[in-house]
PDB file of N, CA and C in Angstrom:
ATOM      1  N   MET A   1       0.828  -1.196   0.000  1.00  0.00           N
ATOM      2  CA  MET A   1       0.000   0.000   0.000  1.00  0.00           C
ATOM      3  C   MET A   1       0.871   1.258   0.000  1.00  0.00           C
ATOM      4  N   ARG A   2       2.046   1.164   0.618  1.00  0.00           N
ATOM      5  CA  ARG A   2       2.914   2.336   0.677  1.00  0.00           C
ATOM      6  C   ARG A   2       3.359   2.786  -0.702  1.00  0.00           C
ATOM      7  N   ASP A   3       3.563   1.838  -1.590  1.00  0.00           N
ATOM      8  CA  ASP A   3       4.053   2.182  -2.923  1.00  0.00           C
ATOM      9  C   ASP A   3       2.930   2.488  -3.908  1.00  0.00           C
ATOM     10  N   GLU A   4       1.724   2.092  -3.594  1.00  0.00           N
ATOM     11  CA  GLU A   4       0.625   2.231  -4.548  1.00  0.00           C
ATOM     12  C   GLU A   4      -0.290   3.417  -4.260  1.00  0.00           C
ATOM     13  N   TRP A   5      -0.016   4.219  -3.277  1.00  0.00           N
ATOM     14  CA  TRP A   5      -0.935   5.307  -2.934  1.00  0.00           C
ATOM     15  C   TRP A   5      -0.995   6.364  -4.024  1.00  0.00           C
ATOM     16  N   LYS A   6       0.082   6.519  -4.793  1.00  0.00           N
ATOM     17  CA  LYS A   6       0.072   7.516  -5.871  1.00  0.00           C
ATOM     18  C   LYS A   6      -0.908   7.123  -6.969  1.00  0.00           C
ATOM     19  N   ALA A   7      -0.893   5.858  -7.329  1.00  0.00           N
ATOM     20  CA  ALA A   7      -1.818   5.378  -8.358  1.00  0.00           C
ATOM     21  C   ALA A   7      -3.257   5.433  -7.848  1.00  0.00           C
ATOM     22  N   ILE A   8      -3.456   5.079  -6.601  1.00  0.00           N
ATOM     23  CA  ILE A   8      -4.796   5.137  -6.024  1.00  0.00           C
ATOM     24  C   ILE A   8      -5.302   6.576  -6.000  1.00  0.00           C
ATOM     25  N   LEU A   9      -4.426   7.518  -5.642  1.00  0.00           N
ATOM     26  CA  LEU A   9      -4.789   8.937  -5.634  1.00  0.00           C
ATOM     27  C   LEU A   9      -5.201   9.394  -7.026  1.00  0.00           C
ATOM     28  N   ALA A  10      -4.460   8.984  -8.051  1.00  0.00           N
ATOM     29  CA  ALA A  10      -4.783   9.372  -9.418  1.00  0.00           C
ATOM     30  C   ALA A  10      -6.121   8.766  -9.861  1.00  0.00           C
ATOM     31  N   TYR A  11      -6.366   7.505  -9.513  1.00  0.00           N
ATOM     32  CA  TYR A  11      -7.639   6.869  -9.875  1.00  0.00           C
ATOM     33  C   TYR A  11      -8.819   7.522  -9.156  1.00  0.00           C
ATOM     34  N   VAL A  12      -8.642   7.864  -7.897  1.00  0.00           N
ATOM     35  CA  VAL A  12      -9.715   8.522  -7.150  1.00  0.00           C
ATOM     36  C   VAL A  12     -10.025   9.885  -7.766  1.00  0.00           C
ATOM     37  N   TYR A  13      -9.003  10.641  -8.111  1.00  0.00           N
ATOM     38  CA  TYR A  13      -9.207  11.946  -8.745  1.00  0.00           C
ATOM     39  C   TYR A  13      -9.906  11.796 -10.088  1.00  0.00           C
ATOM     40  N   ALA A  14      -9.485  10.821 -10.892  1.00  0.00           N
ATOM     41  CA  ALA A  14     -10.118  10.587 -12.193  1.00  0.00           C
ATOM     42  C   ALA A  14     -11.580  10.185 -12.016  1.00  0.00           C
ATOM     43  N   PHE A  15     -11.868   9.343 -11.030  1.00  0.00           N
ATOM     44  CA  PHE A  15     -13.244   8.928 -10.773  1.00  0.00           C
ATOM     45  C   PHE A  15     -14.108  10.115 -10.351  1.00  0.00           C
ATOM     46  N   ILE A  16     -13.602  10.951  -9.475  1.00  0.00           N
ATOM     47  CA  ILE A  16     -14.354  12.120  -9.021  1.00  0.00           C
ATOM     48  C   ILE A  16     -14.633  13.055 -10.193  1.00  0.00           C
ATOM     49  N   CYS A  17     -13.630  13.300 -11.027  1.00  0.00           N
ATOM     50  CA  CYS A  17     -13.831  14.189 -12.187  1.00  0.00           C
ATOM     51  C   CYS A  17     -14.818  13.589 -13.175  1.00  0.00           C
ATOM     52  N   PHE A  18     -14.715  12.286 -13.444  1.00  0.00           N
ATOM     53  CA  PHE A  18     -15.650  11.633 -14.354  1.00  0.00           C
ATOM     54  C   PHE A  18     -17.077  11.741 -13.824  1.00  0.00           C
ATOM     55  N   PHE A  19     -17.249  11.511 -12.545  1.00  0.00           N
ATOM     56  CA  PHE A  19     -18.571  11.586 -11.939  1.00  0.00           C
ATOM     57  C   PHE A  19     -19.117  13.003 -12.002  1.00  0.00           C
ATOM     58  N   ASP A  20     -18.275  13.989 -11.701  1.00  0.00           N
ATOM     59  CA  ASP A  20     -18.725  15.376 -11.618  1.00  0.00           C
ATOM     60  C   ASP A  20     -18.969  16.007 -12.985  1.00  0.00           C
ATOM     61  N   PHE A  21     -18.211  15.605 -14.002  1.00  0.00           N
ATOM     62  CA  PHE A  21     -18.336  16.246 -15.318  1.00  0.00           C
ATOM     63  C   PHE A  21     -19.098  15.418 -16.337  1.00  0.00           C
ATOM     64  N   VAL A  22     -19.334  14.118 -16.068  1.00  0.00           N
ATOM     65  CA  VAL A  22     -20.034  13.276 -17.046  1.00  0.00           C
ATOM     66  C   VAL A  22     -21.315  12.684 -16.463  1.00  0.00           C
ATOM     67  N   VAL A  23     -21.212  12.002 -15.340  1.00  0.00           N
ATOM     68  CA  VAL A  23     -22.350  11.250 -14.798  1.00  0.00           C
ATOM     69  C   VAL A  23     -23.454  12.183 -14.298  1.00  0.00           C
ATOM     70  N   VAL A  24     -23.118  13.137 -13.465  1.00  0.00           N
ATOM     71  CA  VAL A  24     -24.141  14.014 -12.887  1.00  0.00           C
ATOM     72  C   VAL A  24     -24.832  14.881 -13.949  1.00  0.00           C
ATOM     73  N   PRO A  25     -24.102  15.515 -14.889  1.00  0.00           N
ATOM     74  CA  PRO A  25     -24.814  16.281 -15.926  1.00  0.00           C
ATOM     75  C   PRO A  25     -25.701  15.399 -16.804  1.00  0.00           C
ATOM     76  N   SER A  26     -25.244  14.178 -17.091  1.00  0.00           N
ATOM     77  CA  SER A  26     -26.076  13.261 -17.874  1.00  0.00           C
ATOM     78  C   SER A  26     -27.335  12.881 -17.111  1.00  0.00           C
ATOM     79  N   TRP A  27     -27.180  12.632 -15.829  1.00  0.00           N
ATOM     80  CA  TRP A  27     -28.332  12.274 -14.989  1.00  0.00           C
ATOM     81  C   TRP A  27     -29.351  13.414 -14.945  1.00  0.00           C
ATOM     82  N   ILE A  28     -28.858  14.627 -14.799  1.00  0.00           N
ATOM     83  CA  ILE A  28     -29.754  15.783 -14.769  1.00  0.00           C
ATOM     84  C   ILE A  28     -30.451  15.941 -16.119  1.00  0.00           C
ATOM     85  N   GLY A  29     -29.723  15.742 -17.209  1.00  0.00           N
ATOM     86  CA  GLY A  29     -30.316  15.864 -18.536  1.00  0.00           C
ATOM     87  C   GLY A  29     -31.348  14.796 -18.828  1.00  0.00           C
ATOM     88  N   ILE A  30     -31.098  13.581 -18.377  1.00  0.00           N
ATOM     89  CA  ILE A  30     -32.043  12.481 -18.604  1.00  0.00           C
ATOM     90  C   ILE A  30     -33.312  12.667 -17.792  1.00  0.00           C
ATOM     91  N   ASN A  31     -33.180  13.145 -16.577  1.00  0.00           N
ATOM     92  CA  ASN A  31     -34.326  13.281 -15.681  1.00  0.00           C
ATOM     93  C   ASN A  31     -35.008  14.641 -15.764  1.00  0.00           C
ATOM     94  N   ARG A  32     -34.612  15.455 -16.709  1.00  0.00           N
ATOM     95  CA  ARG A  32     -35.235  16.768 -16.900  1.00  0.00           C
ATOM     96  C   ARG A  32     -36.648  16.565 -17.445  1.00  0.00           C
ATOM     97  N   PRO A  33     -37.632  17.288 -16.921  1.00  0.00           N
ATOM     98  CA  PRO A  33     -39.004  17.144 -17.438  1.00  0.00           C
ATOM     99  C   PRO A  33     -39.082  17.650 -18.879  1.00  0.00           C
ATOM    100  N   PRO A  34     -39.958  17.067 -19.687  1.00  0.00           N
ATOM    101  CA  PRO A  34     -40.072  17.512 -21.080  1.00  0.00           C
ATOM    102  C   PRO A  34     -40.575  18.945 -21.172  1.00  0.00           C
ATOM    103  N   ILE A  35     -40.214  19.600 -22.248  1.00  0.00           N
ATOM    104  CA  ILE A  35     -40.576  21.010 -22.422  1.00  0.00           C
ATOM    105  C   ILE A  35     -42.075  21.171 -22.657  1.00  0.00           C
ATOM    106  N   ASP A  36     -42.765  20.104 -23.042  1.00  0.00           N
ATOM    107  CA  ASP A  36     -44.211  20.171 -23.263  1.00  0.00           C
ATOM    108  C   ASP A  36     -44.980  20.438 -21.972  1.00  0.00           C
ATOM    109  N   ASP A  37     -44.376  20.170 -20.831  1.00  0.00           N
ATOM    110  CA  ASP A  37     -45.041  20.387 -19.543  1.00  0.00           C
ATOM    111  C   ASP A  37     -45.144  21.859 -19.175  1.00  0.00           C
ATOM    112  N   LEU A  38     -44.610  22.754 -20.001  1.00  0.00           N
ATOM    113  CA  LEU A  38     -44.609  24.176 -19.673  1.00  0.00           C
ATOM    114  C   LEU A  38     -45.851  24.901 -20.174  1.00  0.00           C
ATOM    115  N   ALA A  39     -46.867  24.170 -20.577  1.00  0.00           N
ATOM    116  CA  ALA A  39     -48.063  24.776 -21.171  1.00  0.00           C
ATOM    117  C   ALA A  39     -48.764  25.735 -20.205  1.00  0.00           C
ATOM    118  N   TYR A  40     -48.685  25.463 -18.922  1.00  0.00           N
ATOM    119  CA  TYR A  40     -49.396  26.290 -17.940  1.00  0.00           C
ATOM    120  C   TYR A  40     -48.502  27.325 -17.273  1.00  0.00           C
ATOM    121  N   LEU A  41     -47.273  27.476 -17.757  1.00  0.00           N
ATOM    122  CA  LEU A  41     -46.310  28.441 -17.231  1.00  0.00           C
ATOM    123  C   LEU A  41     -46.083  28.300 -15.723  1.00  0.00           C
ATOM    124  N   ASN A  42     -45.910  27.094 -15.312  1.00  0.00           N
ATOM    125  CA  ASN A  42     -45.558  26.822 -13.929  1.00  0.00           C
ATOM    126  C   ASN A  42     -44.081  27.196 -13.744  1.00  0.00           C
ATOM    127  N   ILE A  43     -43.820  28.145 -12.873  1.00  0.00           N
ATOM    128  CA  ILE A  43     -42.467  28.667 -12.695  1.00  0.00           C
ATOM    129  C   ILE A  43     -41.510  27.591 -12.204  1.00  0.00           C
ATOM    130  N   GLU A  44     -41.941  26.723 -11.313  1.00  0.00           N
ATOM    131  CA  GLU A  44     -41.063  25.664 -10.804  1.00  0.00           C
ATOM    132  C   GLU A  44     -40.657  24.699 -11.915  1.00  0.00           C
ATOM    133  N   LYS A  45     -41.600  24.329 -12.771  1.00  0.00           N
ATOM    134  CA  LYS A  45     -41.282  23.452 -13.905  1.00  0.00           C
ATOM    135  C   LYS A  45     -40.319  24.154 -14.857  1.00  0.00           C
ATOM    136  N   PHE A  46     -40.546  25.449 -15.068  1.00  0.00           N
ATOM    137  CA  PHE A  46     -39.682  26.222 -15.940  1.00  0.00           C
ATOM    138  C   PHE A  46     -38.251  26.217 -15.420  1.00  0.00           C
ATOM    139  N   LYS A  47     -38.072  26.387 -14.114  1.00  0.00           N
ATOM    140  CA  LYS A  47     -36.737  26.361 -13.513  1.00  0.00           C
ATOM    141  C   LYS A  47     -36.091  24.993 -13.663  1.00  0.00           C
ATOM    142  N   GLN A  48     -36.879  23.919 -13.534  1.00  0.00           N
ATOM    143  CA  GLN A  48     -36.328  22.573 -13.671  1.00  0.00           C
ATOM    144  C   GLN A  48     -35.858  22.302 -15.093  1.00  0.00           C
ATOM    145  N   VAL A  49     -36.588  22.786 -16.069  1.00  0.00           N
ATOM    146  CA  VAL A  49     -36.218  22.540 -17.462  1.00  0.00           C
ATOM    147  C   VAL A  49     -34.931  23.268 -17.821  1.00  0.00           C
ATOM    148  N   TRP A  50     -34.750  24.481 -17.347  1.00  0.00           N
ATOM    149  CA  TRP A  50     -33.594  25.274 -17.733  1.00  0.00           C
ATOM    150  C   TRP A  50     -32.475  25.254 -16.698  1.00  0.00           C
ATOM    151  N   GLN A  51     -32.559  24.353 -15.733  1.00  0.00           N
ATOM    152  CA  GLN A  51     -31.519  24.227 -14.721  1.00  0.00           C
ATOM    153  C   GLN A  51     -30.258  23.618 -15.347  1.00  0.00           C
ATOM    154  N   HIS A  52     -29.114  24.184 -15.026  1.00  0.00           N
ATOM    155  CA  HIS A  52     -27.843  23.665 -15.506  1.00  0.00           C
ATOM    156  C   HIS A  52     -27.048  23.140 -14.329  1.00  0.00           C
ATOM    157  N   HIS A  53     -26.243  22.134 -14.614  1.00  0.00           N
ATOM    158  CA  HIS A  53     -25.382  21.573 -13.572  1.00  0.00           C
ATOM    159  C   HIS A  53     -24.141  22.438 -13.406  1.00  0.00           C
ATOM    160  N   GLN A  54     -23.851  22.788 -12.180  1.00  0.00           N
ATOM    161  CA  GLN A  54     -22.611  23.470 -11.862  1.00  0.00           C
ATOM    162  C   GLN A  54     -21.728  22.457 -11.147  1.00  0.00           C
ATOM    163  N   PRO A  55     -20.613  22.066 -11.749  1.00  0.00           N
ATOM    164  CA  PRO A  55     -19.774  21.023 -11.149  1.00  0.00           C
ATOM    165  C   PRO A  55     -19.388  21.362  -9.710  1.00  0.00           C
ATOM    166  N   PHE A  56     -19.507  20.366  -8.861  1.00  0.00           N
ATOM    167  CA  PHE A  56     -19.217  20.563  -7.442  1.00  0.00           C
ATOM    168  C   PHE A  56     -17.744  20.880  -7.213  1.00  0.00           C
ATOM    169  N   THR A  57     -16.873  20.288  -8.035  1.00  0.00           N
ATOM    170  CA  THR A  57     -15.443  20.489  -7.822  1.00  0.00           C
ATOM    171  C   THR A  57     -14.964  21.851  -8.292  1.00  0.00           C
ATOM    172  N   LEU A  58     -15.789  22.585  -9.028  1.00  0.00           N
ATOM    173  CA  LEU A  58     -15.408  23.936  -9.454  1.00  0.00           C
ATOM    174  C   LEU A  58     -15.924  25.007  -8.512  1.00  0.00           C
ATOM    175  N   GLN A  59     -16.698  24.613  -7.514  1.00  0.00           N
ATOM    176  CA  GLN A  59     -17.170  25.565  -6.518  1.00  0.00           C
ATOM    177  C   GLN A  59     -15.957  26.065  -5.729  1.00  0.00           C
ATOM    178  N   GLY A  60     -15.964  27.304  -5.370  1.00  0.00           N
ATOM    179  CA  GLY A  60     -14.848  27.849  -4.588  1.00  0.00           C
ATOM    180  C   GLY A  60     -13.613  28.112  -5.428  1.00  0.00           C
ATOM    181  N   GLY A  61     -13.797  28.400  -6.695  1.00  0.00           N
ATOM    182  CA  GLY A  61     -12.668  28.761  -7.535  1.00  0.00           C
ATOM    183  C   GLY A  61     -11.813  27.592  -7.971  1.00  0.00           C
ATOM    184  N   GLY A  62     -12.307  26.386  -7.865  1.00  0.00           N
ATOM    185  CA  GLY A  62     -11.549  25.217  -8.316  1.00  0.00           C
ATOM    186  C   GLY A  62     -10.433  24.806  -7.384  1.00  0.00           C
ATOM    187  N   MET A  63     -10.549  25.160  -6.113  1.00  0.00           N
ATOM    188  CA  MET A  63      -9.506  24.793  -5.149  1.00  0.00           C
ATOM    189  C   MET A  63      -9.329  23.286  -5.029  1.00  0.00           C
ATOM    190  N   PHE A  64     -10.402  22.546  -5.274  1.00  0.00           N
ATOM    191  CA  PHE A  64     -10.315  21.086  -5.244  1.00  0.00           C
ATOM    192  C   PHE A  64      -9.296  20.599  -6.277  1.00  0.00           C
ATOM    193  N   HIS A  65      -9.375  21.121  -7.501  1.00  0.00           N
ATOM    194  CA  HIS A  65      -8.463  20.701  -8.562  1.00  0.00           C
ATOM    195  C   HIS A  65      -7.043  21.185  -8.303  1.00  0.00           C
ATOM    196  N   LEU A  66      -6.917  22.374  -7.745  1.00  0.00           N
ATOM    197  CA  LEU A  66      -5.581  22.860  -7.390  1.00  0.00           C
ATOM    198  C   LEU A  66      -4.940  21.977  -6.318  1.00  0.00           C
ATOM    199  N   ALA A  67      -5.732  21.572  -5.335  1.00  0.00           N
ATOM    200  CA  ALA A  67      -5.199  20.726  -4.265  1.00  0.00           C
ATOM    201  C   ALA A  67      -4.808  19.353  -4.791  1.00  0.00           C
ATOM    202  N   PHE A  68      -5.673  18.744  -5.590  1.00  0.00           N
ATOM    203  CA  PHE A  68      -5.330  17.432  -6.148  1.00  0.00           C
ATOM    204  C   PHE A  68      -4.154  17.554  -7.115  1.00  0.00           C
ATOM    205  N   GLY A  69      -4.108  18.643  -7.871  1.00  0.00           N
ATOM    206  CA  GLY A  69      -2.976  18.845  -8.771  1.00  0.00           C
ATOM    207  C   GLY A  69      -1.663  18.962  -8.015  1.00  0.00           C
ATOM    208  N   ALA A  70      -1.691  19.658  -6.887  1.00  0.00           N
ATOM    209  CA  ALA A  70      -0.482  19.783  -6.068  1.00  0.00           C
ATOM    210  C   ALA A  70      -0.076  18.428  -5.499  1.00  0.00           C
ATOM    211  N   LEU A  71      -1.045  17.642  -5.043  1.00  0.00           N
ATOM    212  CA  LEU A  71      -0.725  16.318  -4.505  1.00  0.00           C
ATOM    213  C   LEU A  71      -0.151  15.402  -5.581  1.00  0.00           C
ATOM    214  N   LEU A  72      -0.776  15.397  -6.748  1.00  0.00           N
ATOM    215  CA  LEU A  72      -0.304  14.519  -7.822  1.00  0.00           C
ATOM    216  C   LEU A  72       1.049  14.965  -8.356  1.00  0.00           C
ATOM    217  N   THR A  73       1.246  16.271  -8.492  1.00  0.00           N
ATOM    218  CA  THR A  73       2.531  16.771  -8.974  1.00  0.00           C
ATOM    219  C   THR A  73       3.632  16.505  -7.956  1.00  0.00           C
ATOM    220  N   GLY A  74       3.331  16.782  -6.694  1.00  0.00           N
ATOM    221  CA  GLY A  74       4.324  16.531  -5.651  1.00  0.00           C
ATOM    222  C   GLY A  74       4.688  15.061  -5.527  1.00  0.00           C
ATOM    223  N   SER A  75       3.708  14.197  -5.674  1.00  0.00           N
ATOM    224  CA  SER A  75       4.007  12.765  -5.568  1.00  0.00           C
ATOM    225  C   SER A  75       4.744  12.265  -6.800  1.00  0.00           C
ATOM    226  N   ALA A  76       4.507  12.875  -7.961  1.00  0.00           N
ATOM    227  CA  ALA A  76       5.211  12.460  -9.174  1.00  0.00           C
ATOM    228  C   ALA A  76       6.659  12.936  -9.158  1.00  0.00           C
ATOM    229  N   LEU A  77       6.899  14.109  -8.621  1.00  0.00           N
ATOM    230  CA  LEU A  77       8.253  14.657  -8.597  1.00  0.00           C
ATOM    231  C   LEU A  77       9.060  14.211  -7.389  1.00  0.00           C
ATOM    232  N   ASN A  78       8.397  13.677  -6.382  1.00  0.00           N
ATOM    233  CA  ASN A  78       9.092  13.214  -5.186  1.00  0.00           C
ATOM    234  C   ASN A  78       9.974  12.024  -5.541  1.00  0.00           C
ATOM    235  N   GLY A  79      11.213  12.139  -5.250  1.00  0.00           N
ATOM    236  CA  GLY A  79      12.133  11.039  -5.524  1.00  0.00           C
ATOM    237  C   GLY A  79      12.758  11.112  -6.897  1.00  0.00           C
ATOM    238  N   TYR A  80      12.478  12.162  -7.653  1.00  0.00           N
ATOM    239  CA  TYR A  80      13.062  12.293  -8.980  1.00  0.00           C
ATOM    240  C   TYR A  80      14.573  12.510  -8.865  1.00  0.00           C
ATOM    241  N   GLY A  81      15.330  11.672  -9.518  1.00  0.00           N
ATOM    242  CA  GLY A  81      16.776  11.815  -9.501  1.00  0.00           C
ATOM    243  C   GLY A  81      17.466  11.117  -8.337  1.00  0.00           C
ATOM    244  N   LYS A  82      16.717  10.515  -7.431  1.00  0.00           N
ATOM    245  CA  LYS A  82      17.344   9.804  -6.323  1.00  0.00           C
ATOM    246  C   LYS A  82      17.726   8.401  -6.776  1.00  0.00           C
ATOM    247  N   LYS A  83      18.870   7.934  -6.331  1.00  0.00           N
ATOM    248  CA  LYS A  83      19.298   6.582  -6.676  1.00  0.00           C
ATOM    249  C   LYS A  83      18.565   5.576  -5.789  1.00  0.00           C
ATOM    250  N   GLY A  84      18.260   4.426  -6.382  1.00  0.00           N
ATOM    251  CA  GLY A  84      17.616   3.370  -5.613  1.00  0.00           C
ATOM    252  C   GLY A  84      16.120   3.424  -5.638  1.00  0.00           C
ATOM    253  N   GLN A  85      15.538   4.359  -6.348  1.00  0.00           N
ATOM    254  CA  GLN A  85      14.079   4.439  -6.410  1.00  0.00           C
ATOM    255  C   GLN A  85      13.600   4.371  -7.826  1.00  0.00           C
TER     256      GLN A  85
END
């Protein structure tokens, strides 16, 4: 486990990004009510139809991606040039 944490970190980050940028927007798009339901100008239905997904990991200026980027970069560069590794 000591040697594999870098790969696990990369897979976890990739999974989170895939979920946040592909799965959740697709789910919202599939479950969106049809536009034909707007015949009575129900404001709540109107909001549901035109609702857009805002990725959770981009909230707060993308600090999540900056933090994971720092971890992945630091772990990739750690030990660079050392003999025996």
